Amino acid sequence: MKKIIACVDGSPLASSVCQAGAWLSERLAAPLVLLHSIEKDRSANVNLAGNIGLGANETLLQELAEHDAQKSKLLKAHSKALLEQLQQSLPELNHPVETLERFGDVNHTLSDIKSLIRCYVMGRSGEDHINETHLVGSHIESALRVIDRSLLLTVGKFKQPHSFLLAYDGTEQANLAIERLLETKLLANCDCHLVMIGNTSHATKDAFDKELSRLESQFASITAHFVDGGNIAETLLAKQLELNVDLTVMGAFSHSKVRQFFVGSNTLKLIANSSTSLLVIK
């Protein structure tokens, strides 16, 4: 069975990531795994062996090896304690909450276990930016590029969504993203705001109206919003505030303007300034 992977660390957003993961676990009837990737600091990556040849003996080499082993052991113990604490903070779910510790980069770990992932969750900023929660963690943009699974990104305290904004560009791929939502019924009880930006041709509007009519019975309510032109990031940020939604949803399938946005420089602008959690459907 595929699982929800919540990527956690020692940052304030770890609790938010766990709560979002728990929500996905219940809505999608999939087990939740709390993943902590243990990344050694830069000093741990410095190769001292080349400098030890200056008269140092084998005892010093052995001491350095033992020090490294002890550091790894302590890091693993810290990781285990962190995961246990976060695990205990979660409410009882339909599936037992699992934990997983791995040494190395979190995106490499996600790639390694990709076949097990249904959806993964990350926080906007990690423990390197504890007091700067609007800074975007270094793993986020690369994760969006290379991890071929849907991502739920939390930006603050997670709130179970009652309303959401769905960015729509009229392409077949955008309709596939909607199909994913319908299949899973993830947001079936929510108010949907379907927002089209920039592409307002008659053909696209016809497709939009057809999709809107089809979706009227699928969500608690559905409202259409057309925005002619403008910067995608700025428009979505403004719409988040105007509509007071709890979640922003975007597909990431095609080479449309929306797709180009998600692999372009505007990505960080939306993530850094978003007032809602973001669900990127793949």
C-alpha atoms as a PDB file:
ATOM      1  CA  MET A   1       0.000   0.000   0.000  1.00  0.00           C
ATOM      2  CA  LYS A   2       1.301   3.445  -0.907  1.00  0.00           C
ATOM      3  CA  LYS A   3       1.853   5.874   1.938  1.00  0.00           C
ATOM      4  CA  ILE A   4       1.772   9.526   2.937  1.00  0.00           C
ATOM      5  CA  ILE A   5       5.316  10.699   3.689  1.00  0.00           C
ATOM      6  CA  ALA A   6       5.624  13.655   6.075  1.00  0.00           C
ATOM      7  CA  CYS A   7       9.148  15.100   5.906  1.00  0.00           C
ATOM      8  CA  VAL A   8      10.009  16.507   9.326  1.00  0.00           C
ATOM      9  CA  ASP A   9      12.931  18.111  11.140  1.00  0.00           C
ATOM     10  CA  GLY A  10      13.414  20.196  14.269  1.00  0.00           C
ATOM     11  CA  SER A  11      11.706  23.296  12.885  1.00  0.00           C
ATOM     12  CA  PRO A  12       8.481  24.900  14.162  1.00  0.00           C
ATOM     13  CA  LEU A  13       6.703  23.706  11.001  1.00  0.00           C
ATOM     14  CA  ALA A  14       7.317  20.031  11.854  1.00  0.00           C
ATOM     15  CA  SER A  15       4.089  19.875  13.855  1.00  0.00           C
ATOM     16  CA  SER A  16       2.201  21.491  10.961  1.00  0.00           C
ATOM     17  CA  VAL A  17       3.662  18.945   8.538  1.00  0.00           C
ATOM     18  CA  CYS A  18       2.551  16.103  10.829  1.00  0.00           C
ATOM     19  CA  GLN A  19      -0.980  17.494  11.120  1.00  0.00           C
ATOM     20  CA  ALA A  20      -1.214  17.881   7.344  1.00  0.00           C
ATOM     21  CA  GLY A  21       0.093  14.346   6.888  1.00  0.00           C
ATOM     22  CA  ALA A  22      -2.479  13.023   9.365  1.00  0.00           C
ATOM     23  CA  TRP A  23      -5.267  14.814   7.459  1.00  0.00           C
ATOM     24  CA  LEU A  24      -4.108  13.298   4.155  1.00  0.00           C
ATOM     25  CA  SER A  25      -3.797   9.874   5.780  1.00  0.00           C
ATOM     26  CA  GLU A  26      -7.409   9.958   6.933  1.00  0.00           C
ATOM     27  CA  ARG A  27      -8.834  11.464   3.733  1.00  0.00           C
ATOM     28  CA  LEU A  28      -6.940   9.114   1.413  1.00  0.00           C
ATOM     29  CA  ALA A  29      -7.084   6.037   3.682  1.00  0.00           C
ATOM     30  CA  ALA A  30      -3.307   5.659   3.410  1.00  0.00           C
ATOM     31  CA  PRO A  31      -0.734   4.981   6.162  1.00  0.00           C
ATOM     32  CA  LEU A  32       1.321   7.922   7.409  1.00  0.00           C
ATOM     33  CA  VAL A  33       5.120   7.783   7.661  1.00  0.00           C
ATOM     34  CA  LEU A  34       7.128  10.455   9.493  1.00  0.00           C
ATOM     35  CA  LEU A  35      10.465  10.767   7.674  1.00  0.00           C
ATOM     36  CA  HIS A  36      13.518  12.470   9.158  1.00  0.00           C
ATOM     37  CA  SER A  37      16.541  12.768   6.907  1.00  0.00           C
ATOM     38  CA  ILE A  38      19.718  13.171   8.969  1.00  0.00           C
ATOM     39  CA  GLU A  39      21.956  15.615   7.163  1.00  0.00           C
ATOM     40  CA  LYS A  40      25.428  16.096   8.617  1.00  0.00           C
ATOM     41  CA  ASP A  41      26.714  19.652   8.792  1.00  0.00           C
ATOM     42  CA  ARG A  42      29.387  20.934   6.445  1.00  0.00           C
ATOM     43  CA  SER A  43      32.221  20.300   8.853  1.00  0.00           C
ATOM     44  CA  ALA A  44      31.316  16.632   8.848  1.00  0.00           C
ATOM     45  CA  ASN A  45      31.915  16.547   5.099  1.00  0.00           C
ATOM     46  CA  VAL A  46      35.451  17.959   5.273  1.00  0.00           C
ATOM     47  CA  ASN A  47      38.007  15.297   4.367  1.00  0.00           C
ATOM     48  CA  LEU A  48      40.687  15.484   7.066  1.00  0.00           C
ATOM     49  CA  ALA A  49      42.517  12.383   5.905  1.00  0.00           C
ATOM     50  CA  GLY A  50      44.693  14.349   3.503  1.00  0.00           C
ATOM     51  CA  ASN A  51      45.972  16.577   6.298  1.00  0.00           C
ATOM     52  CA  ILE A  52      46.749  13.731   8.658  1.00  0.00           C
ATOM     53  CA  GLY A  53      49.709  12.605   6.617  1.00  0.00           C
ATOM     54  CA  LEU A  54      51.776  15.385   8.173  1.00  0.00           C
ATOM     55  CA  GLY A  55      53.352  13.131  10.808  1.00  0.00           C
ATOM     56  CA  ALA A  56      50.096  11.948  12.378  1.00  0.00           C
ATOM     57  CA  ASN A  57      49.931   8.308  13.405  1.00  0.00           C
ATOM     58  CA  GLU A  58      47.280   5.625  13.055  1.00  0.00           C
ATOM     59  CA  THR A  59      45.962   6.344  16.537  1.00  0.00           C
ATOM     60  CA  LEU A  60      44.785   9.788  15.458  1.00  0.00           C
ATOM     61  CA  LEU A  61      43.113   8.320  12.391  1.00  0.00           C
ATOM     62  CA  GLN A  62      41.363   5.814  14.597  1.00  0.00           C
ATOM     63  CA  GLU A  63      40.214   8.540  16.996  1.00  0.00           C
ATOM     64  CA  LEU A  64      38.774  10.542  14.113  1.00  0.00           C
ATOM     65  CA  ALA A  65      36.929   7.492  12.808  1.00  0.00           C
ATOM     66  CA  GLU A  66      35.538   6.795  16.281  1.00  0.00           C
ATOM     67  CA  HIS A  67      34.497  10.438  16.651  1.00  0.00           C
ATOM     68  CA  ASP A  68      32.623  10.277  13.350  1.00  0.00           C
ATOM     69  CA  ALA A  69      30.928   7.041  14.350  1.00  0.00           C
ATOM     70  CA  GLN A  70      29.923   8.539  17.715  1.00  0.00           C
ATOM     71  CA  LYS A  71      28.540  11.640  16.013  1.00  0.00           C
ATOM     72  CA  SER A  72      26.462   9.508  13.658  1.00  0.00           C
ATOM     73  CA  LYS A  73      25.177   7.521  16.617  1.00  0.00           C
ATOM     74  CA  LEU A  74      24.160  10.705  18.453  1.00  0.00           C
ATOM     75  CA  LEU A  75      22.472  12.122  15.357  1.00  0.00           C
ATOM     76  CA  LYS A  76      20.502   8.914  14.927  1.00  0.00           C
ATOM     77  CA  ALA A  77      19.455   8.957  18.597  1.00  0.00           C
ATOM     78  CA  HIS A  78      18.309  12.577  18.239  1.00  0.00           C
ATOM     79  CA  SER A  79      16.363  11.675  15.107  1.00  0.00           C
ATOM     80  CA  LYS A  80      14.638   8.789  16.850  1.00  0.00           C
ATOM     81  CA  ALA A  81      13.666  10.985  19.814  1.00  0.00           C
ATOM     82  CA  LEU A  82      12.313  13.695  17.475  1.00  0.00           C
ATOM     83  CA  LEU A  83      10.215  11.200  15.536  1.00  0.00           C
ATOM     84  CA  GLU A  84       8.847   9.610  18.701  1.00  0.00           C
ATOM     85  CA  GLN A  85       7.838  13.010  20.082  1.00  0.00           C
ATOM     86  CA  LEU A  86       6.053  13.987  16.862  1.00  0.00           C
ATOM     87  CA  GLN A  87       4.444  10.560  16.593  1.00  0.00           C
ATOM     88  CA  GLN A  88       3.028  10.856  20.108  1.00  0.00           C
ATOM     89  CA  SER A  89       1.631  14.318  19.369  1.00  0.00           C
ATOM     90  CA  LEU A  90      -0.691  12.991  16.660  1.00  0.00           C
ATOM     91  CA  PRO A  91      -4.263  11.883  17.269  1.00  0.00           C
ATOM     92  CA  GLU A  92      -5.153   8.223  16.821  1.00  0.00           C
ATOM     93  CA  LEU A  93      -5.516   7.444  13.118  1.00  0.00           C
ATOM     94  CA  ASN A  94      -7.074   4.576  11.203  1.00  0.00           C
ATOM     95  CA  HIS A  95      -3.570   3.328  10.367  1.00  0.00           C
ATOM     96  CA  PRO A  96      -0.574   3.123  12.732  1.00  0.00           C
ATOM     97  CA  VAL A  97       1.881   5.996  12.233  1.00  0.00           C
ATOM     98  CA  GLU A  98       5.290   4.738  11.106  1.00  0.00           C
ATOM     99  CA  THR A  99       8.662   6.454  11.426  1.00  0.00           C
ATOM    100  CA  LEU A 100      11.704   6.351   9.168  1.00  0.00           C
ATOM    101  CA  GLU A 101      15.235   7.674   9.717  1.00  0.00           C
ATOM    102  CA  ARG A 102      17.667   8.046   6.840  1.00  0.00           C
ATOM    103  CA  PHE A 103      21.111   9.631   6.520  1.00  0.00           C
ATOM    104  CA  GLY A 104      21.441  11.978   3.564  1.00  0.00           C
ATOM    105  CA  ASP A 105      19.510  14.534   1.534  1.00  0.00           C
ATOM    106  CA  VAL A 106      15.732  14.355   1.917  1.00  0.00           C
ATOM    107  CA  ASN A 107      15.098  14.491  -1.832  1.00  0.00           C
ATOM    108  CA  HIS A 108      17.475  11.584  -2.415  1.00  0.00           C
ATOM    109  CA  THR A 109      15.584   9.638   0.219  1.00  0.00           C
ATOM    110  CA  LEU A 110      12.256  10.471  -1.415  1.00  0.00           C
ATOM    111  CA  SER A 111      13.625   9.333  -4.764  1.00  0.00           C
ATOM    112  CA  ASP A 112      14.803   6.073  -3.211  1.00  0.00           C
ATOM    113  CA  ILE A 113      11.365   5.289  -1.752  1.00  0.00           C
ATOM    114  CA  LYS A 114       9.312   6.838  -4.557  1.00  0.00           C
ATOM    115  CA  SER A 115       7.475   3.586  -5.298  1.00  0.00           C
ATOM    116  CA  LEU A 116       6.007   3.697  -1.772  1.00  0.00           C
ATOM    117  CA  ILE A 117       4.795   7.311  -1.936  1.00  0.00           C
ATOM    118  CA  ARG A 118       1.247   8.373  -2.679  1.00  0.00           C
ATOM    119  CA  CYS A 119       1.777  11.972  -1.584  1.00  0.00           C
ATOM    120  CA  TYR A 120       4.433  13.753   0.468  1.00  0.00           C
ATOM    121  CA  VAL A 121       4.333  16.732   2.807  1.00  0.00           C
ATOM    122  CA  MET A 122       6.974  19.383   3.485  1.00  0.00           C
ATOM    123  CA  GLY A 123       7.159  22.632   5.441  1.00  0.00           C
ATOM    124  CA  ARG A 124       8.002  25.900   3.716  1.00  0.00           C
ATOM    125  CA  SER A 125      11.118  26.443   5.854  1.00  0.00           C
ATOM    126  CA  GLY A 126      13.282  24.075   7.855  1.00  0.00           C
ATOM    127  CA  GLU A 127      15.271  24.200  11.065  1.00  0.00           C
ATOM    128  CA  ASP A 128      17.941  26.378   9.406  1.00  0.00           C
ATOM    129  CA  HIS A 129      15.354  29.189   9.335  1.00  0.00           C
ATOM    130  CA  ILE A 130      13.603  28.753  12.676  1.00  0.00           C
ATOM    131  CA  ASN A 131      12.938  32.483  13.074  1.00  0.00           C
ATOM    132  CA  GLU A 132      12.400  33.171   9.367  1.00  0.00           C
ATOM    133  CA  THR A 133       9.297  31.203   8.456  1.00  0.00           C
ATOM    134  CA  HIS A 134       8.783  33.072   5.167  1.00  0.00           C
ATOM    135  CA  LEU A 135      12.113  31.874   3.779  1.00  0.00           C
ATOM    136  CA  VAL A 136      11.828  28.892   1.449  1.00  0.00           C
ATOM    137  CA  GLY A 137      13.821  25.787   2.371  1.00  0.00           C
ATOM    138  CA  SER A 138      16.529  24.729  -0.050  1.00  0.00           C
ATOM    139  CA  HIS A 139      14.834  21.403  -0.822  1.00  0.00           C
ATOM    140  CA  ILE A 140      11.474  22.728  -1.957  1.00  0.00           C
ATOM    141  CA  GLU A 141      12.142  23.887  -5.519  1.00  0.00           C
ATOM    142  CA  SER A 142      14.249  20.827  -6.358  1.00  0.00           C
ATOM    143  CA  ALA A 143      11.551  18.575  -4.903  1.00  0.00           C
ATOM    144  CA  LEU A 144       8.950  20.179  -7.165  1.00  0.00           C
ATOM    145  CA  ARG A 145      11.215  19.576 -10.137  1.00  0.00           C
ATOM    146  CA  VAL A 146      12.340  16.010  -9.576  1.00  0.00           C
ATOM    147  CA  ILE A 147       9.960  14.158  -7.226  1.00  0.00           C
ATOM    148  CA  ASP A 148       7.157  12.761  -9.370  1.00  0.00           C
ATOM    149  CA  ARG A 149       4.501  12.724  -6.656  1.00  0.00           C
ATOM    150  CA  SER A 150       1.957  15.237  -5.389  1.00  0.00           C
ATOM    151  CA  LEU A 151       3.234  17.612  -2.702  1.00  0.00           C
ATOM    152  CA  LEU A 152       1.338  19.289   0.132  1.00  0.00           C
ATOM    153  CA  LEU A 153       3.399  22.235   1.362  1.00  0.00           C
ATOM    154  CA  THR A 154       2.560  23.811   4.721  1.00  0.00           C
ATOM    155  CA  VAL A 155       3.369  27.467   5.397  1.00  0.00           C
ATOM    156  CA  GLY A 156       2.235  27.865   9.002  1.00  0.00           C
ATOM    157  CA  LYS A 157      -0.161  26.176  11.376  1.00  0.00           C
ATOM    158  CA  PHE A 158      -2.071  23.631   9.285  1.00  0.00           C
ATOM    159  CA  LYS A 159      -5.817  24.130   9.054  1.00  0.00           C
ATOM    160  CA  GLN A 160      -8.044  21.401   7.673  1.00  0.00           C
ATOM    161  CA  PRO A 161      -9.421  23.018   4.515  1.00  0.00           C
ATOM    162  CA  HIS A 162     -13.033  24.083   4.188  1.00  0.00           C
ATOM    163  CA  SER A 163     -12.382  26.117   1.048  1.00  0.00           C
ATOM    164  CA  PHE A 164      -9.732  26.013  -1.650  1.00  0.00           C
ATOM    165  CA  LEU A 165      -8.506  27.872  -4.712  1.00  0.00           C
ATOM    166  CA  LEU A 166      -7.913  25.741  -7.805  1.00  0.00           C
ATOM    167  CA  ALA A 167      -5.783  27.330 -10.556  1.00  0.00           C
ATOM    168  CA  TYR A 168      -7.069  26.308 -14.001  1.00  0.00           C
ATOM    169  CA  ASP A 169      -5.571  26.851 -17.460  1.00  0.00           C
ATOM    170  CA  GLY A 170      -8.021  24.987 -19.708  1.00  0.00           C
ATOM    171  CA  THR A 171      -5.644  22.214 -20.781  1.00  0.00           C
ATOM    172  CA  GLU A 172      -6.250  18.477 -20.732  1.00  0.00           C
ATOM    173  CA  GLN A 173      -3.644  18.235 -17.981  1.00  0.00           C
ATOM    174  CA  ALA A 174      -5.550  20.715 -15.821  1.00  0.00           C
ATOM    175  CA  ASN A 175      -8.645  18.576 -16.232  1.00  0.00           C
ATOM    176  CA  LEU A 176      -6.609  15.538 -15.183  1.00  0.00           C
ATOM    177  CA  ALA A 177      -5.684  17.348 -11.982  1.00  0.00           C
ATOM    178  CA  ILE A 178      -9.376  17.895 -11.327  1.00  0.00           C
ATOM    179  CA  GLU A 179     -10.009  14.204 -12.006  1.00  0.00           C
ATOM    180  CA  ARG A 180      -7.497  13.340  -9.290  1.00  0.00           C
ATOM    181  CA  LEU A 181      -9.435  15.466  -6.824  1.00  0.00           C
ATOM    182  CA  LEU A 182     -12.702  13.834  -7.824  1.00  0.00           C
ATOM    183  CA  GLU A 183     -11.312  10.307  -7.664  1.00  0.00           C
ATOM    184  CA  THR A 184      -9.903  10.740  -4.184  1.00  0.00           C
ATOM    185  CA  LYS A 185     -12.740  12.947  -2.878  1.00  0.00           C
ATOM    186  CA  LEU A 186      -9.981  14.705  -0.941  1.00  0.00           C
ATOM    187  CA  LEU A 187     -11.802  18.050  -0.964  1.00  0.00           C
ATOM    188  CA  ALA A 188     -15.359  16.858  -1.592  1.00  0.00           C
ATOM    189  CA  ASN A 189     -16.839  18.756   1.351  1.00  0.00           C
ATOM    190  CA  CYS A 190     -15.056  22.013   0.585  1.00  0.00           C
ATOM    191  CA  ASP A 191     -15.999  25.207  -1.246  1.00  0.00           C
ATOM    192  CA  CYS A 192     -14.075  25.378  -4.534  1.00  0.00           C
ATOM    193  CA  HIS A 193     -12.950  28.605  -6.214  1.00  0.00           C
ATOM    194  CA  LEU A 194     -11.931  27.795  -9.788  1.00  0.00           C
ATOM    195  CA  VAL A 195      -9.546  30.518 -10.974  1.00  0.00           C
ATOM    196  CA  MET A 196      -8.442  31.007 -14.579  1.00  0.00           C
ATOM    197  CA  ILE A 197      -5.550  33.385 -15.249  1.00  0.00           C
ATOM    198  CA  GLY A 198      -4.498  34.862 -18.573  1.00  0.00           C
ATOM    199  CA  ASN A 199      -6.099  32.368 -20.978  1.00  0.00           C
ATOM    200  CA  THR A 200      -9.584  33.699 -21.710  1.00  0.00           C
ATOM    201  CA  SER A 201     -10.147  32.647 -25.349  1.00  0.00           C
ATOM    202  CA  HIS A 202     -13.663  31.557 -26.339  1.00  0.00           C
ATOM    203  CA  ALA A 203     -12.564  27.925 -26.671  1.00  0.00           C
ATOM    204  CA  THR A 204     -10.985  27.962 -23.245  1.00  0.00           C
ATOM    205  CA  LYS A 205     -13.981  29.690 -21.701  1.00  0.00           C
ATOM    206  CA  ASP A 206     -16.256  27.069 -23.244  1.00  0.00           C
ATOM    207  CA  ALA A 207     -14.109  24.308 -21.729  1.00  0.00           C
ATOM    208  CA  PHE A 208     -14.101  26.168 -18.427  1.00  0.00           C
ATOM    209  CA  ASP A 209     -17.899  26.511 -18.421  1.00  0.00           C
ATOM    210  CA  LYS A 210     -18.287  22.831 -19.268  1.00  0.00           C
ATOM    211  CA  GLU A 211     -15.951  21.849 -16.433  1.00  0.00           C
ATOM    212  CA  LEU A 212     -17.697  24.223 -14.057  1.00  0.00           C
ATOM    213  CA  SER A 213     -21.100  22.701 -14.843  1.00  0.00           C
ATOM    214  CA  ARG A 214     -19.738  19.183 -14.347  1.00  0.00           C
ATOM    215  CA  LEU A 215     -18.246  20.058 -10.971  1.00  0.00           C
ATOM    216  CA  GLU A 216     -21.244  21.808  -9.459  1.00  0.00           C
ATOM    217  CA  SER A 217     -22.358  18.701  -7.566  1.00  0.00           C
ATOM    218  CA  GLN A 218     -18.864  17.506  -6.642  1.00  0.00           C
ATOM    219  CA  PHE A 219     -17.962  20.074  -3.992  1.00  0.00           C
ATOM    220  CA  ALA A 220     -19.874  21.911  -1.292  1.00  0.00           C
ATOM    221  CA  SER A 221     -19.999  24.853  -3.705  1.00  0.00           C
ATOM    222  CA  ILE A 222     -18.059  26.038  -6.749  1.00  0.00           C
ATOM    223  CA  THR A 223     -17.423  29.591  -7.958  1.00  0.00           C
ATOM    224  CA  ALA A 224     -15.717  30.731 -11.157  1.00  0.00           C
ATOM    225  CA  HIS A 225     -13.153  33.553 -11.303  1.00  0.00           C
ATOM    226  CA  PHE A 226     -11.614  34.932 -14.535  1.00  0.00           C
ATOM    227  CA  VAL A 227      -8.474  37.069 -14.378  1.00  0.00           C
ATOM    228  CA  ASP A 228      -7.354  38.487 -17.734  1.00  0.00           C
ATOM    229  CA  GLY A 229      -3.545  38.630 -17.794  1.00  0.00           C
ATOM    230  CA  GLY A 230      -1.245  39.631 -14.968  1.00  0.00           C
ATOM    231  CA  ASN A 231       1.518  37.891 -13.093  1.00  0.00           C
ATOM    232  CA  ILE A 232       0.464  34.407 -11.958  1.00  0.00           C
ATOM    233  CA  ALA A 233       2.136  34.556  -8.540  1.00  0.00           C
ATOM    234  CA  GLU A 234       0.812  38.023  -7.702  1.00  0.00           C
ATOM    235  CA  THR A 235      -2.672  37.132  -8.931  1.00  0.00           C
ATOM    236  CA  LEU A 236      -2.887  33.942  -6.896  1.00  0.00           C
ATOM    237  CA  LEU A 237      -1.569  35.649  -3.774  1.00  0.00           C
ATOM    238  CA  ALA A 238      -4.187  38.381  -4.142  1.00  0.00           C
ATOM    239  CA  LYS A 239      -6.938  35.815  -4.716  1.00  0.00           C
ATOM    240  CA  GLN A 240      -5.926  33.848  -1.620  1.00  0.00           C
ATOM    241  CA  LEU A 241      -6.529  36.916   0.524  1.00  0.00           C
ATOM    242  CA  GLU A 242      -9.616  38.110  -1.323  1.00  0.00           C
ATOM    243  CA  LEU A 243     -11.362  34.720  -1.113  1.00  0.00           C
ATOM    244  CA  ASN A 244      -9.991  33.809   2.332  1.00  0.00           C
ATOM    245  CA  VAL A 245      -9.350  30.199   1.262  1.00  0.00           C
ATOM    246  CA  ASP A 246      -7.594  27.556   3.368  1.00  0.00           C
ATOM    247  CA  LEU A 247      -5.688  25.806   0.559  1.00  0.00           C
ATOM    248  CA  THR A 248      -4.334  26.556  -2.922  1.00  0.00           C
ATOM    249  CA  VAL A 249      -4.309  23.707  -5.464  1.00  0.00           C
ATOM    250  CA  MET A 250      -2.423  23.575  -8.760  1.00  0.00           C
ATOM    251  CA  GLY A 251      -1.748  20.862 -11.305  1.00  0.00           C
ATOM    252  CA  ALA A 252       1.816  20.240 -12.436  1.00  0.00           C
ATOM    253  CA  PHE A 253       1.403  18.118 -15.535  1.00  0.00           C
ATOM    254  CA  SER A 254       1.717  20.165 -18.697  1.00  0.00           C
ATOM    255  CA  HIS A 255       3.931  22.719 -20.392  1.00  0.00           C
ATOM    256  CA  SER A 256       1.272  25.389 -20.019  1.00  0.00           C
ATOM    257  CA  LYS A 257       1.879  28.790 -18.458  1.00  0.00           C
ATOM    258  CA  VAL A 258       0.966  27.337 -15.077  1.00  0.00           C
ATOM    259  CA  ARG A 259       3.441  24.485 -15.543  1.00  0.00           C
ATOM    260  CA  GLN A 260       6.168  26.915 -16.600  1.00  0.00           C
ATOM    261  CA  PHE A 261       5.411  28.884 -13.462  1.00  0.00           C
ATOM    262  CA  PHE A 262       6.060  25.879 -11.281  1.00  0.00           C
ATOM    263  CA  VAL A 263       9.498  25.244 -12.743  1.00  0.00           C
ATOM    264  CA  GLY A 264      10.410  28.906 -13.078  1.00  0.00           C
ATOM    265  CA  SER A 265      11.626  31.752 -10.929  1.00  0.00           C
ATOM    266  CA  ASN A 266       8.129  32.733  -9.762  1.00  0.00           C
ATOM    267  CA  THR A 267       7.836  29.519  -7.763  1.00  0.00           C
ATOM    268  CA  LEU A 268       9.637  30.870  -4.736  1.00  0.00           C
ATOM    269  CA  LYS A 269       7.620  34.087  -4.808  1.00  0.00           C
ATOM    270  CA  LEU A 270       4.321  32.259  -4.361  1.00  0.00           C
ATOM    271  CA  ILE A 271       5.698  29.824  -1.773  1.00  0.00           C
ATOM    272  CA  ALA A 272       7.436  32.539   0.243  1.00  0.00           C
ATOM    273  CA  ASN A 273       4.356  34.772   0.395  1.00  0.00           C
ATOM    274  CA  SER A 274       1.503  32.276   0.372  1.00  0.00           C
ATOM    275  CA  SER A 275      -1.046  32.670   3.145  1.00  0.00           C
ATOM    276  CA  THR A 276      -2.326  29.111   2.606  1.00  0.00           C
ATOM    277  CA  SER A 277      -0.935  25.616   2.344  1.00  0.00           C
ATOM    278  CA  LEU A 278      -0.206  24.587  -1.256  1.00  0.00           C
ATOM    279  CA  LEU A 279      -1.156  21.293  -2.922  1.00  0.00           C
ATOM    280  CA  VAL A 280       0.750  20.577  -6.148  1.00  0.00           C
ATOM    281  CA  ILE A 281      -0.913  17.665  -7.942  1.00  0.00           C
ATOM    282  CA  LYS A 282       1.190  15.351 -10.093  1.00  0.00           C
END
